[in-house]
C-alpha atoms as a PDB file:
ATOM      1  CA  MET A   1      18.582 -50.526   3.956  1.00  0.00           C
ATOM      2  CA  LYS A   2      17.310 -49.448   0.845  1.00  0.00           C
ATOM      3  CA  ASN A   3      15.654 -46.346   3.448  1.00  0.00           C
ATOM      4  CA  LEU A   4      18.976 -45.251   4.570  1.00  0.00           C
ATOM      5  CA  LYS A   5      20.086 -45.180   0.781  1.00  0.00           C
ATOM      6  CA  PHE A   6      17.504 -42.801  -0.278  1.00  0.00           C
ATOM      7  CA  ALA A   7      17.644 -40.611   2.559  1.00  0.00           C
ATOM      8  CA  THR A   8      21.978 -39.755   1.938  1.00  0.00           C
ATOM      9  CA  LEU A   9      20.462 -39.358  -1.630  1.00  0.00           C
ATOM     10  CA  LEU A  10      17.812 -37.258  -0.196  1.00  0.00           C
ATOM     11  CA  PHE A  11      19.934 -35.504   2.003  1.00  0.00           C
ATOM     12  CA  ALA A  12      23.100 -35.157  -0.824  1.00  0.00           C
ATOM     13  CA  PHE A  13      19.824 -33.431  -3.781  1.00  0.00           C
ATOM     14  CA  ALA A  14      18.763 -31.438  -0.367  1.00  0.00           C
ATOM     15  CA  THR A  15      21.850 -29.815   0.390  1.00  0.00           C
ATOM     16  CA  VAL A  16      23.158 -29.607  -3.451  1.00  0.00           C
ATOM     17  CA  LEU A  17      19.795 -27.219  -4.217  1.00  0.00           C
ATOM     18  CA  THR A  18      20.092 -25.437  -0.649  1.00  0.00           C
ATOM     19  CA  LEU A  19      23.705 -24.102  -2.039  1.00  0.00           C
ATOM     20  CA  THR A  20      22.194 -23.666  -5.744  1.00  0.00           C
ATOM     21  CA  SER A  21      19.871 -21.629  -3.861  1.00  0.00           C
ATOM     22  CA  ALA A  22      21.969 -19.521  -1.288  1.00  0.00           C
ATOM     23  CA  THR A  23      24.760 -18.394  -4.021  1.00  0.00           C
ATOM     24  CA  THR A  24      21.720 -16.777  -6.886  1.00  0.00           C
ATOM     25  CA  PRO A  25      21.402 -13.038  -7.472  1.00  0.00           C
ATOM     26  CA  GLU A  26      18.424 -11.709  -5.362  1.00  0.00           C
ATOM     27  CA  ASN A  27      14.982 -11.587  -7.472  1.00  0.00           C
ATOM     28  CA  ILE A  28      13.472  -8.979  -5.917  1.00  0.00           C
ATOM     29  CA  GLN A  29      10.016  -7.897  -6.968  1.00  0.00           C
ATOM     30  CA  SER A  30       9.036  -4.707  -5.238  1.00  0.00           C
ATOM     31  CA  LEU A  31      10.035  -2.793  -2.248  1.00  0.00           C
ATOM     32  CA  LYS A  32       7.484  -0.648   0.019  1.00  0.00           C
ATOM     33  CA  GLY A  33       9.133   1.516   2.659  1.00  0.00           C
ATOM     34  CA  THR A  34       8.681   5.223   4.327  1.00  0.00           C
ATOM     35  CA  SER A  35      11.663   7.628   2.983  1.00  0.00           C
ATOM     36  CA  GLN A  36      10.956   9.486   6.286  1.00  0.00           C
ATOM     37  CA  THR A  37      11.480  12.245   4.250  1.00  0.00           C
ATOM     38  CA  LEU A  38       8.987  14.701   2.240  1.00  0.00           C
ATOM     39  CA  LEU A  39       8.145  12.387  -0.276  1.00  0.00           C
ATOM     40  CA  GLY A  40       6.578   9.919   1.942  1.00  0.00           C
ATOM     41  CA  ASN A  41       6.708   6.035   0.504  1.00  0.00           C
ATOM     42  CA  TYR A  42       8.562   4.513  -1.207  1.00  0.00           C
ATOM     43  CA  THR A  43       7.954   1.507  -4.108  1.00  0.00           C
ATOM     44  CA  ILE A  44      10.955   0.042  -5.448  1.00  0.00           C
ATOM     45  CA  THR A  45      10.543  -2.381  -8.556  1.00  0.00           C
ATOM     46  CA  GLU A  46      12.982  -4.780 -10.369  1.00  0.00           C
ATOM     47  CA  LEU A  47      12.472  -3.996 -14.414  1.00  0.00           C
ATOM     48  CA  ALA A  48      13.798  -5.539 -17.521  1.00  0.00           C
ATOM     49  CA  PRO A  49      18.018  -5.499 -17.512  1.00  0.00           C
ATOM     50  CA  GLU A  50      19.354  -3.409 -19.423  1.00  0.00           C
ATOM     51  CA  THR A  51      23.027  -3.028 -21.329  1.00  0.00           C
ATOM     52  CA  ILE A  52      24.842  -0.435 -20.964  1.00  0.00           C
ATOM     53  CA  LYS A  53      28.349  -0.016 -22.665  1.00  0.00           C
ATOM     54  CA  ASN A  54      28.010  -3.944 -23.135  1.00  0.00           C
ATOM     55  CA  GLU A  55      26.916  -4.633 -19.426  1.00  0.00           C
ATOM     56  CA  GLU A  56      24.087  -6.202 -18.723  1.00  0.00           C
ATOM     57  CA  LEU A  57      23.006  -4.133 -15.642  1.00  0.00           C
ATOM     58  CA  ARG A  58      20.276  -5.195 -13.362  1.00  0.00           C
ATOM     59  CA  LYS A  59      17.502  -1.804 -13.392  1.00  0.00           C
ATOM     60  CA  PHE A  60      15.336  -0.633  -9.949  1.00  0.00           C
ATOM     61  CA  GLU A  61      12.412   2.049  -9.974  1.00  0.00           C
ATOM     62  CA  LEU A  62      12.694   4.152  -6.948  1.00  0.00           C
ATOM     63  CA  SER A  63       8.990   5.591  -7.442  1.00  0.00           C
ATOM     64  CA  TYR A  64       8.310   7.689  -4.064  1.00  0.00           C
ATOM     65  CA  GLU A  65       4.445   8.802  -3.440  1.00  0.00           C
ATOM     66  CA  ASN A  66       5.209  12.125  -3.568  1.00  0.00           C
ATOM     67  CA  GLY A  67       7.636  12.514  -5.802  1.00  0.00           C
ATOM     68  CA  LYS A  68       7.395  14.077  -9.433  1.00  0.00           C
ATOM     69  CA  ALA A  69       9.448  11.491 -11.404  1.00  0.00           C
ATOM     70  CA  PRO A  70      10.107   7.504 -10.613  1.00  0.00           C
ATOM     71  CA  VAL A  71      14.606   7.441 -10.582  1.00  0.00           C
ATOM     72  CA  ILE A  72      16.051   4.124 -11.877  1.00  0.00           C
ATOM     73  CA  ILE A  73      18.790   2.176  -9.996  1.00  0.00           C
ATOM     74  CA  TYR A  74      21.237   0.193 -11.894  1.00  0.00           C
ATOM     75  CA  LEU A  75      23.114  -2.206 -10.100  1.00  0.00           C
ATOM     76  CA  ARG A  76      26.255  -3.513 -11.565  1.00  0.00           C
ATOM     77  CA  GLN A  77      27.663  -6.777  -9.543  1.00  0.00           C
ATOM     78  CA  LYS A  78      31.921  -6.667  -9.928  1.00  0.00           C
ATOM     79  CA  SER A  79      33.629  -9.500  -8.539  1.00  0.00           C
ATOM     80  CA  LYS A  80      34.421  -7.873  -5.235  1.00  0.00           C
ATOM     81  CA  CYS A  81      32.138  -4.778  -5.029  1.00  0.00           C
ATOM     82  CA  LYS A  82      28.064  -3.630  -5.889  1.00  0.00           C
ATOM     83  CA  GLU A  83      27.981  -0.675  -7.504  1.00  0.00           C
ATOM     84  CA  TYR A  84      23.920   1.226  -7.868  1.00  0.00           C
ATOM     85  CA  ILE A  85      23.586   3.708 -10.184  1.00  0.00           C
ATOM     86  CA  VAL A  86      20.862   5.735  -8.591  1.00  0.00           C
ATOM     87  CA  ARG A  87      20.073   8.498 -11.489  1.00  0.00           C
ATOM     88  CA  GLY A  88      16.902  10.548 -12.095  1.00  0.00           C
ATOM     89  CA  HIS A  89      15.555  13.468 -14.031  1.00  0.00           C
ATOM     90  CA  ALA A  90      19.023  15.687 -13.687  1.00  0.00           C
ATOM     91  CA  MET A  91      21.680  14.346 -11.601  1.00  0.00           C
ATOM     92  CA  GLU A  92      22.972  10.754 -10.652  1.00  0.00           C
ATOM     93  CA  VAL A  93      25.502   9.580  -7.899  1.00  0.00           C
ATOM     94  CA  GLN A  94      27.170   5.714  -6.816  1.00  0.00           C
ATOM     95  CA  TYR A  95      26.645   4.213  -3.623  1.00  0.00           C
ATOM     96  CA  THR A  96      29.443   1.634  -4.428  1.00  0.00           C
ATOM     97  CA  CYS A  97      28.615  -1.559  -1.041  1.00  0.00           C
ATOM     98  CA  LYS A  98      31.703  -3.683  -0.301  1.00  0.00           C
ATOM     99  CA  LYS A  99      33.177  -5.586   2.751  1.00  0.00           C
ATOM    100  CA  SER A 100      33.794  -2.453   4.042  1.00  0.00           C
ATOM    101  CA  GLY A 101      30.975  -0.446   3.735  1.00  0.00           C
ATOM    102  CA  PHE A 102      28.150   0.819   2.184  1.00  0.00           C
ATOM    103  CA  GLY A 103      28.378   4.594   1.330  1.00  0.00           C
ATOM    104  CA  ALA A 104      27.955   7.645  -1.473  1.00  0.00           C
ATOM    105  CA  GLN A 105      29.944   8.923  -4.273  1.00  0.00           C
ATOM    106  CA  THR A 106      29.998  10.831  -7.347  1.00  0.00           C
ATOM    107  CA  LEU A 107      30.222   9.181 -11.002  1.00  0.00           C
ATOM    108  CA  ALA A 108      32.401   9.015 -12.898  1.00  0.00           C
ATOM    109  CA  GLY A 109      33.830   7.225 -16.331  1.00  0.00           C
ATOM    110  CA  LYS A 110      31.696   5.465 -18.281  1.00  0.00           C
ATOM    111  CA  PHE A 111      28.420   4.627 -16.593  1.00  0.00           C
ATOM    112  CA  ALA A 112      28.439   9.016 -16.191  1.00  0.00           C
ATOM    113  CA  ALA A 113      25.752  10.098 -18.411  1.00  0.00           C
ATOM    114  CA  TYR A 114      25.719  14.255 -16.763  1.00  0.00           C
ATOM    115  CA  PRO A 115      28.443  16.283 -16.514  1.00  0.00           C
ATOM    116  CA  TYR A 116      29.972  17.129 -13.013  1.00  0.00           C
ATOM    117  CA  ASP A 117      28.720  20.529 -13.314  1.00  0.00           C
ATOM    118  CA  THR A 118      25.479  19.418 -13.710  1.00  0.00           C
ATOM    119  CA  ASN A 119      25.207  16.695 -10.643  1.00  0.00           C
ATOM    120  CA  ALA A 120      26.916  19.873  -8.281  1.00  0.00           C
ATOM    121  CA  GLN A 121      24.092  22.130  -9.517  1.00  0.00           C
ATOM    122  CA  PHE A 122      21.967  19.441  -7.442  1.00  0.00           C
ATOM    123  CA  ILE A 123      24.020  16.821  -5.284  1.00  0.00           C
ATOM    124  CA  SER A 124      24.940  18.797  -1.475  1.00  0.00           C
ATOM    125  CA  GLU A 125      28.891  17.947  -1.069  1.00  0.00           C
ATOM    126  CA  GLU A 126      28.419  18.008   2.539  1.00  0.00           C
ATOM    127  CA  ALA A 127      25.424  15.688   2.303  1.00  0.00           C
ATOM    128  CA  LEU A 128      27.280  13.512  -0.157  1.00  0.00           C
ATOM    129  CA  SER A 129      30.278  13.540   2.565  1.00  0.00           C
ATOM    130  CA  ARG A 130      28.570  12.358   5.003  1.00  0.00           C
ATOM    131  CA  GLN A 131      27.007   9.754   2.898  1.00  0.00           C
ATOM    132  CA  SER A 132      30.473   7.838   1.910  1.00  0.00           C
ATOM    133  CA  LYS A 133      30.098   5.439   4.863  1.00  0.00           C
ATOM    134  CA  ILE A 134      26.618   4.396   5.525  1.00  0.00           C
ATOM    135  CA  THR A 135      27.614   1.207   7.179  1.00  0.00           C
ATOM    136  CA  THR A 136      30.795  -0.766   7.775  1.00  0.00           C
ATOM    137  CA  SER A 137      30.229  -3.834   6.423  1.00  0.00           C
ATOM    138  CA  GLU A 138      28.561  -5.696   3.283  1.00  0.00           C
ATOM    139  CA  ILE A 139      25.040  -5.765   2.730  1.00  0.00           C
ATOM    140  CA  PRO A 140      22.533  -7.265   1.327  1.00  0.00           C
ATOM    141  CA  VAL A 141      21.075  -5.626  -2.332  1.00  0.00           C
ATOM    142  CA  GLU A 142      17.299  -5.531  -0.576  1.00  0.00           C
ATOM    143  CA  LYS A 143      18.962  -3.629   2.103  1.00  0.00           C
ATOM    144  CA  ALA A 144      20.688  -1.284   0.002  1.00  0.00           C
ATOM    145  CA  LEU A 145      17.817  -0.245  -1.943  1.00  0.00           C
ATOM    146  CA  GLY A 146      15.582   0.253   1.023  1.00  0.00           C
ATOM    147  CA  LEU A 147      19.091   2.417   2.288  1.00  0.00           C
ATOM    148  CA  ILE A 148      18.785   4.010  -1.399  1.00  0.00           C
ATOM    149  CA  ALA A 149      15.900   4.965  -1.181  1.00  0.00           C
ATOM    150  CA  CYS A 150      15.778   6.240   2.292  1.00  0.00           C
ATOM    151  CA  TYR A 151      19.163   8.496   1.738  1.00  0.00           C
ATOM    152  CA  TYR A 152      19.028   9.818  -1.956  1.00  0.00           C
ATOM    153  CA  PRO A 153      16.467  12.827  -0.933  1.00  0.00           C
ATOM    154  CA  GLY A 154      19.288  13.374   1.573  1.00  0.00           C
ATOM    155  CA  LEU A 155      21.777  14.293  -0.826  1.00  0.00           C
ATOM    156  CA  LEU A 156      19.918  17.001  -3.205  1.00  0.00           C
ATOM    157  CA  LYS A 157      20.744  20.881  -2.101  1.00  0.00           C
ATOM    158  CA  ASN A 158      16.532  21.664  -2.405  1.00  0.00           C
ATOM    159  CA  ILE A 159      14.786  17.935  -2.074  1.00  0.00           C
ATOM    160  CA  GLN A 160      11.532  20.410  -3.587  1.00  0.00           C
ATOM    161  CA  THR A 161      13.703  18.643  -7.351  1.00  0.00           C
ATOM    162  CA  LEU A 162      11.772  15.822  -6.498  1.00  0.00           C
ATOM    163  CA  TYR A 163       9.316  16.548  -4.751  1.00  0.00           C
ATOM    164  CA  GLN A 164       5.834  16.333  -6.287  1.00  0.00           C
ATOM    165  CA  ASN A 165       3.448  19.692  -4.881  1.00  0.00           C
END
Protein backbone atom coordinates (compact mmCIF):
# COMPACT_ATOMS: atom_id res chain seq x y z
CA MET A 1 0.00 0.00 0.00
CA LYS A 2 2.87 2.38 0.85
CA ASN A 3 4.41 1.69 -2.58
CA LEU A 4 1.13 2.58 -4.29
CA LYS A 5 0.85 5.88 -2.36
CA PHE A 6 4.50 6.69 -3.11
CA ALA A 7 4.00 5.89 -6.83
CA THR A 8 0.87 8.06 -6.95
CA LEU A 9 2.66 10.93 -5.23
CA LEU A 10 5.67 10.57 -7.52
CA PHE A 11 3.40 10.56 -10.60
CA ALA A 12 1.61 13.72 -9.39
CA PHE A 13 4.94 15.48 -8.75
CA ALA A 14 6.26 14.48 -12.19
CA THR A 15 3.07 15.77 -13.83
CA VAL A 16 3.34 19.15 -12.08
CA LEU A 17 7.04 19.37 -12.94
CA THR A 18 6.32 18.58 -16.61
CA LEU A 19 3.53 21.14 -16.82
CA THR A 20 5.69 23.78 -15.14
CA SER A 21 8.62 23.25 -17.48
CA ALA A 22 6.32 23.21 -20.52
CA THR A 23 4.99 26.66 -19.71
CA THR A 24 8.27 28.43 -19.00
CA PRO A 25 9.80 30.55 -21.78
CA GLU A 26 12.30 28.82 -24.03
CA ASN A 27 15.86 29.52 -22.95
CA ILE A 28 18.12 29.75 -25.97
CA GLN A 29 21.86 29.70 -25.41
CA SER A 30 23.02 29.60 -29.03
CA LEU A 31 21.56 28.70 -32.44
CA LYS A 32 23.58 28.04 -35.58
CA GLY A 33 22.61 27.56 -39.20
CA THR A 34 23.19 28.65 -42.76
CA SER A 35 21.47 31.71 -44.17
CA GLN A 36 21.64 30.50 -47.79
CA THR A 37 22.94 33.98 -48.71
CA LEU A 38 26.32 35.65 -49.26
CA LEU A 39 26.39 36.21 -45.50
CA GLY A 40 26.97 32.49 -44.95
CA ASN A 41 26.46 30.73 -41.64
CA TYR A 42 24.83 32.51 -38.74
CA THR A 43 24.98 32.29 -34.96
CA ILE A 44 22.29 33.60 -32.64
CA THR A 45 23.22 34.07 -28.99
CA GLU A 46 20.88 35.13 -26.20
CA LEU A 47 22.15 38.13 -24.25
CA ALA A 48 20.96 39.63 -20.97
CA PRO A 49 17.44 41.14 -21.20
CA GLU A 50 17.20 44.87 -21.85
CA THR A 51 14.62 47.36 -20.62
CA ILE A 52 13.30 49.62 -23.37
CA LYS A 53 10.45 52.06 -22.82
CA ASN A 54 9.79 50.51 -19.39
CA GLU A 55 9.42 46.99 -20.82
CA GLU A 56 11.91 44.19 -20.30
CA LEU A 57 12.67 42.52 -23.63
CA ARG A 58 14.67 39.39 -24.31
CA LYS A 59 17.71 40.24 -26.41
CA PHE A 60 19.59 38.18 -29.01
CA GLU A 61 22.66 38.86 -31.13
CA LEU A 62 22.59 37.60 -34.72
CA SER A 63 26.01 37.33 -36.34
CA TYR A 64 26.82 36.19 -39.87
CA GLU A 65 30.22 34.72 -40.73
CA ASN A 66 30.57 37.20 -43.62
CA GLY A 67 28.69 40.05 -41.96
CA LYS A 68 30.08 43.47 -41.11
CA ALA A 69 28.40 43.84 -37.73
CA PRO A 70 25.94 41.88 -35.60
CA VAL A 71 22.20 42.45 -35.76
CA ILE A 72 20.23 42.74 -32.52
CA ILE A 73 16.87 41.03 -32.10
CA TYR A 74 14.58 42.07 -29.25
CA LEU A 75 11.72 39.75 -28.32
CA ARG A 76 8.59 41.38 -26.93
CA GLN A 77 6.18 38.75 -25.63
CA LYS A 78 2.59 39.90 -25.57
CA SER A 79 -0.44 37.89 -24.49
CA LYS A 80 -1.48 36.82 -28.00
CA CYS A 81 1.68 37.27 -30.04
CA LYS A 82 5.44 37.66 -30.05
CA GLU A 83 7.11 40.64 -31.67
CA TYR A 84 10.71 40.40 -32.86
CA ILE A 85 12.33 43.79 -33.35
CA VAL A 86 15.29 43.27 -35.68
CA ARG A 87 17.74 46.16 -35.59
CA GLY A 88 20.86 46.54 -37.70
CA HIS A 89 23.31 49.43 -37.73
CA ALA A 90 21.14 51.51 -40.09
CA MET A 91 17.68 49.95 -40.29
CA GLU A 92 15.06 47.99 -38.40
CA VAL A 93 12.04 45.82 -39.08
CA GLN A 94 9.60 43.78 -37.04
CA TYR A 95 8.60 40.14 -37.39
CA THR A 96 5.36 39.20 -35.63
CA CYS A 97 4.25 35.73 -34.61
CA LYS A 98 0.64 35.00 -33.72
CA LYS A 99 -1.84 32.16 -34.24
CA SER A 100 -2.48 33.23 -37.83
CA GLY A 101 1.20 33.10 -38.77
CA PHE A 102 4.63 34.67 -38.77
CA GLY A 103 5.83 37.49 -40.99
CA ALA A 104 7.61 40.81 -41.44
CA GLN A 105 6.29 44.34 -41.26
CA THR A 106 7.62 47.84 -40.80
CA LEU A 107 8.36 48.90 -37.25
CA ALA A 108 6.49 51.93 -35.99
CA GLY A 109 5.55 53.23 -32.59
CA LYS A 110 7.42 53.47 -29.33
CA PHE A 111 10.08 50.86 -30.17
CA ALA A 112 11.13 52.44 -33.47
CA ALA A 113 14.66 53.84 -33.28
CA TYR A 114 15.00 54.95 -36.92
CA PRO A 115 12.69 57.19 -38.93
CA TYR A 116 10.63 55.65 -41.73
CA ASP A 117 12.73 57.41 -44.40
CA THR A 118 15.94 55.81 -43.10
CA ASN A 119 14.41 52.32 -43.22
CA ALA A 120 13.01 53.02 -46.69
CA GLN A 121 16.56 53.60 -47.97
CA PHE A 122 17.56 50.05 -47.06
CA ILE A 123 14.41 47.88 -47.03
CA SER A 124 12.79 46.67 -50.24
CA GLU A 125 9.02 47.22 -50.01
CA GLU A 126 8.51 44.36 -52.48
CA ALA A 127 10.53 41.95 -50.31
CA LEU A 128 8.74 43.17 -47.18
CA SER A 129 5.42 42.43 -48.85
CA ARG A 130 6.58 38.91 -49.82
CA GLN A 131 7.69 38.26 -46.24
CA SER A 132 4.47 39.51 -44.65
CA LYS A 133 3.37 35.89 -44.16
CA ILE A 134 6.22 33.39 -43.95
CA THR A 135 4.25 30.75 -42.02
CA THR A 136 0.53 30.21 -41.58
CA SER A 137 0.66 29.21 -37.93
CA GLU A 138 2.31 30.17 -34.67
CA ILE A 139 5.89 28.92 -34.28
CA PRO A 140 8.27 28.56 -31.31
CA VAL A 141 10.91 31.20 -30.55
CA GLU A 142 13.81 29.03 -31.73
CA LYS A 143 12.24 28.48 -35.16
CA ALA A 144 11.27 32.16 -35.47
CA LEU A 145 14.85 33.24 -34.77
CA GLY A 146 16.17 30.82 -37.39
CA LEU A 147 13.69 32.11 -39.96
CA ILE A 148 14.66 35.70 -39.17
CA ALA A 149 18.34 34.84 -39.71
CA CYS A 150 17.51 33.37 -43.14
CA TYR A 151 14.87 35.86 -44.34
CA TYR A 152 16.18 39.16 -42.95
CA PRO A 153 18.99 39.55 -45.56
CA GLY A 154 16.33 39.22 -48.29
CA LEU A 155 14.67 42.43 -47.10
CA LEU A 156 17.64 44.55 -48.06
CA LYS A 157 17.74 46.50 -51.28
CA ASN A 158 21.46 45.75 -51.35
CA ILE A 159 22.83 42.82 -49.33
CA GLN A 160 26.25 44.49 -49.50
CA THR A 161 24.95 46.66 -46.65
CA LEU A 162 25.53 43.70 -44.33
CA TYR A 163 28.24 41.89 -46.31
CA GLN A 164 31.88 42.03 -45.31
CA ASN A 165 34.21 41.87 -48.32
